[in-house]
Amino acid sequence: MTIKERLQSELKTAMKEHDAVLKNVVTLVRAAILQYEKDNLKECDEEHIIELISKQVKQRKDALADFEKAGRDDLIAQTNRELEILLSYLPRQLSPEELEEIVKEAIDRLGIDSKKGMGALMKDVMPRVKGMSDGKAINAAAAKFLN
């Protein structure tokens, strides 16, 4: 089942079960897909859908930090549920150890020995972990080896 089909199915389920959070998340993702298709005049493939969902995850994680600073427990709970739903559409997330292994291998292969090579490292690693990790985690893993 493709992600689009799964979104359609879960939208129906959310409406039947009156699950407002699931319905809102699925609707937002479907709207982002539709917008992409209208803007680019082509159908959105699985890879682009994963990119769109990853952007939504990043937005939620950024908002979560702000809600925690403000002490908004109600918004924290809702945002965590939204993140859980969004992450269910992405490929399995890499553990910190797996990500560090990929980053270390890239550092060795590219011969990077300082933070000046961070751009080349990110350019190499990002496509390989697309949808399975985010830039902040890659940056943190790289900083561990380049300090």
C-alpha atoms as a PDB file:
ATOM      1  CA  MET A   1       0.000   0.000   0.000  1.00  0.00           C
ATOM      2  CA  THR A   2       1.431   3.381  -0.987  1.00  0.00           C
ATOM      3  CA  ILE A   3       1.578   6.286   1.425  1.00  0.00           C
ATOM      4  CA  LYS A   4      -1.173   8.072  -0.525  1.00  0.00           C
ATOM      5  CA  GLU A   5      -3.460   5.048  -0.228  1.00  0.00           C
ATOM      6  CA  ARG A   6      -2.667   4.748   3.462  1.00  0.00           C
ATOM      7  CA  LEU A   7      -3.460   8.430   3.996  1.00  0.00           C
ATOM      8  CA  GLN A   8      -6.816   8.017   2.260  1.00  0.00           C
ATOM      9  CA  SER A   9      -7.634   4.952   4.338  1.00  0.00           C
ATOM     10  CA  GLU A  10      -6.636   6.600   7.611  1.00  0.00           C
ATOM     11  CA  LEU A  11      -8.642   9.712   6.778  1.00  0.00           C
ATOM     12  CA  LYS A  12     -11.755   7.534   6.476  1.00  0.00           C
ATOM     13  CA  THR A  13     -10.914   5.791   9.746  1.00  0.00           C
ATOM     14  CA  ALA A  14     -10.327   9.096  11.532  1.00  0.00           C
ATOM     15  CA  MET A  15     -13.658  10.434  10.357  1.00  0.00           C
ATOM     16  CA  LYS A  16     -15.530   7.288  11.424  1.00  0.00           C
ATOM     17  CA  GLU A  17     -13.861   7.250  14.842  1.00  0.00           C
ATOM     18  CA  HIS A  18     -14.092  11.049  15.302  1.00  0.00           C
ATOM     19  CA  ASP A  19     -10.324  11.259  15.857  1.00  0.00           C
ATOM     20  CA  ALA A  20      -9.740  14.974  15.271  1.00  0.00           C
ATOM     21  CA  VAL A  21      -5.945  14.907  15.668  1.00  0.00           C
ATOM     22  CA  LEU A  22      -5.470  12.069  13.165  1.00  0.00           C
ATOM     23  CA  LYS A  23      -7.910  13.705  10.744  1.00  0.00           C
ATOM     24  CA  ASN A  24      -6.098  17.057  10.956  1.00  0.00           C
ATOM     25  CA  VAL A  25      -2.644  15.542  10.470  1.00  0.00           C
ATOM     26  CA  VAL A  26      -3.734  13.403   7.513  1.00  0.00           C
ATOM     27  CA  THR A  27      -5.563  16.346   5.951  1.00  0.00           C
ATOM     28  CA  LEU A  28      -2.480  18.576   6.277  1.00  0.00           C
ATOM     29  CA  VAL A  29      -0.228  15.965   4.664  1.00  0.00           C
ATOM     30  CA  ARG A  30      -2.710  15.367   1.844  1.00  0.00           C
ATOM     31  CA  ALA A  31      -2.971  19.141   1.292  1.00  0.00           C
ATOM     32  CA  ALA A  32       0.821  19.430   1.093  1.00  0.00           C
ATOM     33  CA  ILE A  33       0.902  16.605  -1.469  1.00  0.00           C
ATOM     34  CA  LEU A  34      -1.858  18.239  -3.531  1.00  0.00           C
ATOM     35  CA  GLN A  35      -0.059  21.592  -3.410  1.00  0.00           C
ATOM     36  CA  TYR A  36       3.166  19.962  -4.600  1.00  0.00           C
ATOM     37  CA  GLU A  37       1.312  18.276  -7.467  1.00  0.00           C
ATOM     38  CA  LYS A  38      -0.368  21.522  -8.522  1.00  0.00           C
ATOM     39  CA  ASP A  39       2.861  23.515  -8.319  1.00  0.00           C
ATOM     40  CA  ASN A  40       4.939  20.992 -10.264  1.00  0.00           C
ATOM     41  CA  LEU A  41       2.228  19.672 -12.595  1.00  0.00           C
ATOM     42  CA  LYS A  42       3.207  16.085 -11.877  1.00  0.00           C
ATOM     43  CA  GLU A  43       2.214  13.368  -9.483  1.00  0.00           C
ATOM     44  CA  CYS A  44       4.032  13.314  -6.154  1.00  0.00           C
ATOM     45  CA  ASP A  45       6.054  10.108  -5.802  1.00  0.00           C
ATOM     46  CA  GLU A  46       6.875   8.284  -2.550  1.00  0.00           C
ATOM     47  CA  GLU A  47      10.230  10.058  -2.187  1.00  0.00           C
ATOM     48  CA  HIS A  48       8.647  13.515  -2.346  1.00  0.00           C
ATOM     49  CA  ILE A  49       5.873  12.466   0.028  1.00  0.00           C
ATOM     50  CA  ILE A  50       8.522  11.391   2.530  1.00  0.00           C
ATOM     51  CA  GLU A  51      10.204  14.797   2.126  1.00  0.00           C
ATOM     52  CA  LEU A  52       6.901  16.589   2.742  1.00  0.00           C
ATOM     53  CA  ILE A  53       6.192  14.494   5.839  1.00  0.00           C
ATOM     54  CA  SER A  54       9.756  15.076   7.083  1.00  0.00           C
ATOM     55  CA  LYS A  55       9.174  18.834   6.827  1.00  0.00           C
ATOM     56  CA  GLN A  56       5.998  18.443   8.888  1.00  0.00           C
ATOM     57  CA  VAL A  57       7.946  16.441  11.500  1.00  0.00           C
ATOM     58  CA  LYS A  58      10.611  19.160  11.683  1.00  0.00           C
ATOM     59  CA  GLN A  59       7.948  21.840  12.144  1.00  0.00           C
ATOM     60  CA  ARG A  60       6.340  19.874  14.986  1.00  0.00           C
ATOM     61  CA  LYS A  61       9.694  19.288  16.710  1.00  0.00           C
ATOM     62  CA  ASP A  62      10.511  23.001  16.501  1.00  0.00           C
ATOM     63  CA  ALA A  63       7.081  23.913  17.872  1.00  0.00           C
ATOM     64  CA  LEU A  64       7.428  21.338  20.652  1.00  0.00           C
ATOM     65  CA  ALA A  65      10.512  23.107  21.999  1.00  0.00           C
ATOM     66  CA  ASP A  66       8.591  26.391  22.115  1.00  0.00           C
ATOM     67  CA  PHE A  67       5.604  24.772  23.853  1.00  0.00           C
ATOM     68  CA  GLU A  68       7.900  23.236  26.462  1.00  0.00           C
ATOM     69  CA  LYS A  69       9.482  26.635  27.170  1.00  0.00           C
ATOM     70  CA  ALA A  70       6.007  28.146  27.578  1.00  0.00           C
ATOM     71  CA  GLY A  71       4.786  25.262  29.770  1.00  0.00           C
ATOM     72  CA  ARG A  72       1.841  24.485  27.480  1.00  0.00           C
ATOM     73  CA  ASP A  73       1.167  20.870  28.482  1.00  0.00           C
ATOM     74  CA  ASP A  74      -2.005  20.708  26.370  1.00  0.00           C
ATOM     75  CA  LEU A  75      -0.124  21.651  23.189  1.00  0.00           C
ATOM     76  CA  ILE A  76       2.807  19.397  24.098  1.00  0.00           C
ATOM     77  CA  ALA A  77       0.507  16.367  24.311  1.00  0.00           C
ATOM     78  CA  GLN A  78      -1.215  17.197  21.009  1.00  0.00           C
ATOM     79  CA  THR A  79       2.074  17.864  19.216  1.00  0.00           C
ATOM     80  CA  ASN A  80       3.548  14.591  20.492  1.00  0.00           C
ATOM     81  CA  ARG A  81       0.514  12.728  19.136  1.00  0.00           C
ATOM     82  CA  GLU A  82       0.892  14.518  15.778  1.00  0.00           C
ATOM     83  CA  LEU A  83       4.585  13.576  15.692  1.00  0.00           C
ATOM     84  CA  GLU A  84       3.722   9.952  16.452  1.00  0.00           C
ATOM     85  CA  ILE A  85       1.257   9.904  13.547  1.00  0.00           C
ATOM     86  CA  LEU A  86       3.662  11.580  11.115  1.00  0.00           C
ATOM     87  CA  LEU A  87       6.560   9.301  12.060  1.00  0.00           C
ATOM     88  CA  SER A  88       4.392   6.271  11.327  1.00  0.00           C
ATOM     89  CA  TYR A  89       4.492   7.260   7.624  1.00  0.00           C
ATOM     90  CA  LEU A  90       8.270   7.598   7.479  1.00  0.00           C
ATOM     91  CA  PRO A  91      10.792   4.781   7.138  1.00  0.00           C
ATOM     92  CA  ARG A  92      12.221   3.384  10.377  1.00  0.00           C
ATOM     93  CA  GLN A  93      14.237   6.089  12.126  1.00  0.00           C
ATOM     94  CA  LEU A  94      17.941   5.441  12.592  1.00  0.00           C
ATOM     95  CA  SER A  95      19.240   5.009  16.127  1.00  0.00           C
ATOM     96  CA  PRO A  96      21.995   7.412  17.218  1.00  0.00           C
ATOM     97  CA  GLU A  97      24.520   4.562  16.995  1.00  0.00           C
ATOM     98  CA  GLU A  98      23.493   3.663  13.427  1.00  0.00           C
ATOM     99  CA  LEU A  99      23.677   7.312  12.392  1.00  0.00           C
ATOM    100  CA  GLU A 100      27.091   7.756  14.006  1.00  0.00           C
ATOM    101  CA  GLU A 101      28.341   4.718  12.095  1.00  0.00           C
ATOM    102  CA  ILE A 102      27.158   6.184   8.767  1.00  0.00           C
ATOM    103  CA  VAL A 103      28.664   9.593   9.601  1.00  0.00           C
ATOM    104  CA  LYS A 104      31.987   8.073  10.718  1.00  0.00           C
ATOM    105  CA  GLU A 105      32.203   6.019   7.508  1.00  0.00           C
ATOM    106  CA  ALA A 106      31.538   9.159   5.422  1.00  0.00           C
ATOM    107  CA  ILE A 107      34.138  11.176   7.357  1.00  0.00           C
ATOM    108  CA  ASP A 108      36.745   8.468   6.773  1.00  0.00           C
ATOM    109  CA  ARG A 109      35.836   8.023   3.096  1.00  0.00           C
ATOM    110  CA  LEU A 110      35.858  11.766   2.358  1.00  0.00           C
ATOM    111  CA  GLY A 111      38.961  12.449   4.451  1.00  0.00           C
ATOM    112  CA  ILE A 112      37.301  15.190   6.497  1.00  0.00           C
ATOM    113  CA  ASP A 113      39.301  16.242   9.561  1.00  0.00           C
ATOM    114  CA  SER A 114      37.664  19.487  10.665  1.00  0.00           C
ATOM    115  CA  LYS A 115      34.337  21.269  10.773  1.00  0.00           C
ATOM    116  CA  LYS A 116      35.294  23.048   7.543  1.00  0.00           C
ATOM    117  CA  GLY A 117      34.272  19.891   5.695  1.00  0.00           C
ATOM    118  CA  MET A 118      30.808  19.820   7.266  1.00  0.00           C
ATOM    119  CA  GLY A 119      29.118  20.950   4.036  1.00  0.00           C
ATOM    120  CA  ALA A 120      30.634  18.111   2.026  1.00  0.00           C
ATOM    121  CA  LEU A 121      29.780  15.667   4.786  1.00  0.00           C
ATOM    122  CA  MET A 122      26.149  16.790   4.943  1.00  0.00           C
ATOM    123  CA  LYS A 123      25.899  16.650   1.136  1.00  0.00           C
ATOM    124  CA  ASP A 124      27.123  13.048   1.250  1.00  0.00           C
ATOM    125  CA  VAL A 125      25.120  11.778   4.238  1.00  0.00           C
ATOM    126  CA  MET A 126      21.756  13.520   3.792  1.00  0.00           C
ATOM    127  CA  PRO A 127      20.630  11.592   0.672  1.00  0.00           C
ATOM    128  CA  ARG A 128      21.556   8.283   2.296  1.00  0.00           C
ATOM    129  CA  VAL A 129      19.484   8.897   5.428  1.00  0.00           C
ATOM    130  CA  LYS A 130      16.599  10.825   3.843  1.00  0.00           C
ATOM    131  CA  GLY A 131      13.450  10.286   5.887  1.00  0.00           C
ATOM    132  CA  MET A 132      15.314   8.180   8.466  1.00  0.00           C
ATOM    133  CA  SER A 133      17.033  11.033  10.314  1.00  0.00           C
ATOM    134  CA  ASP A 134      17.133  14.804  10.333  1.00  0.00           C
ATOM    135  CA  GLY A 135      19.879  17.346   9.804  1.00  0.00           C
ATOM    136  CA  LYS A 136      20.217  18.212  13.503  1.00  0.00           C
ATOM    137  CA  ALA A 137      20.943  14.593  14.411  1.00  0.00           C
ATOM    138  CA  ILE A 138      23.484  14.283  11.590  1.00  0.00           C
ATOM    139  CA  ASN A 139      25.135  17.524  12.691  1.00  0.00           C
ATOM    140  CA  ALA A 140      25.324  16.286  16.295  1.00  0.00           C
ATOM    141  CA  ALA A 141      26.837  12.959  15.188  1.00  0.00           C
ATOM    142  CA  ALA A 142      29.383  14.751  13.025  1.00  0.00           C
ATOM    143  CA  ALA A 143      30.327  17.150  15.821  1.00  0.00           C
ATOM    144  CA  LYS A 144      31.196  14.127  17.961  1.00  0.00           C
ATOM    145  CA  PHE A 145      33.896  13.090  15.470  1.00  0.00           C
ATOM    146  CA  LEU A 146      35.089  16.501  14.270  1.00  0.00           C
ATOM    147  CA  ASN A 147      35.865  18.174  17.611  1.00  0.00           C
END
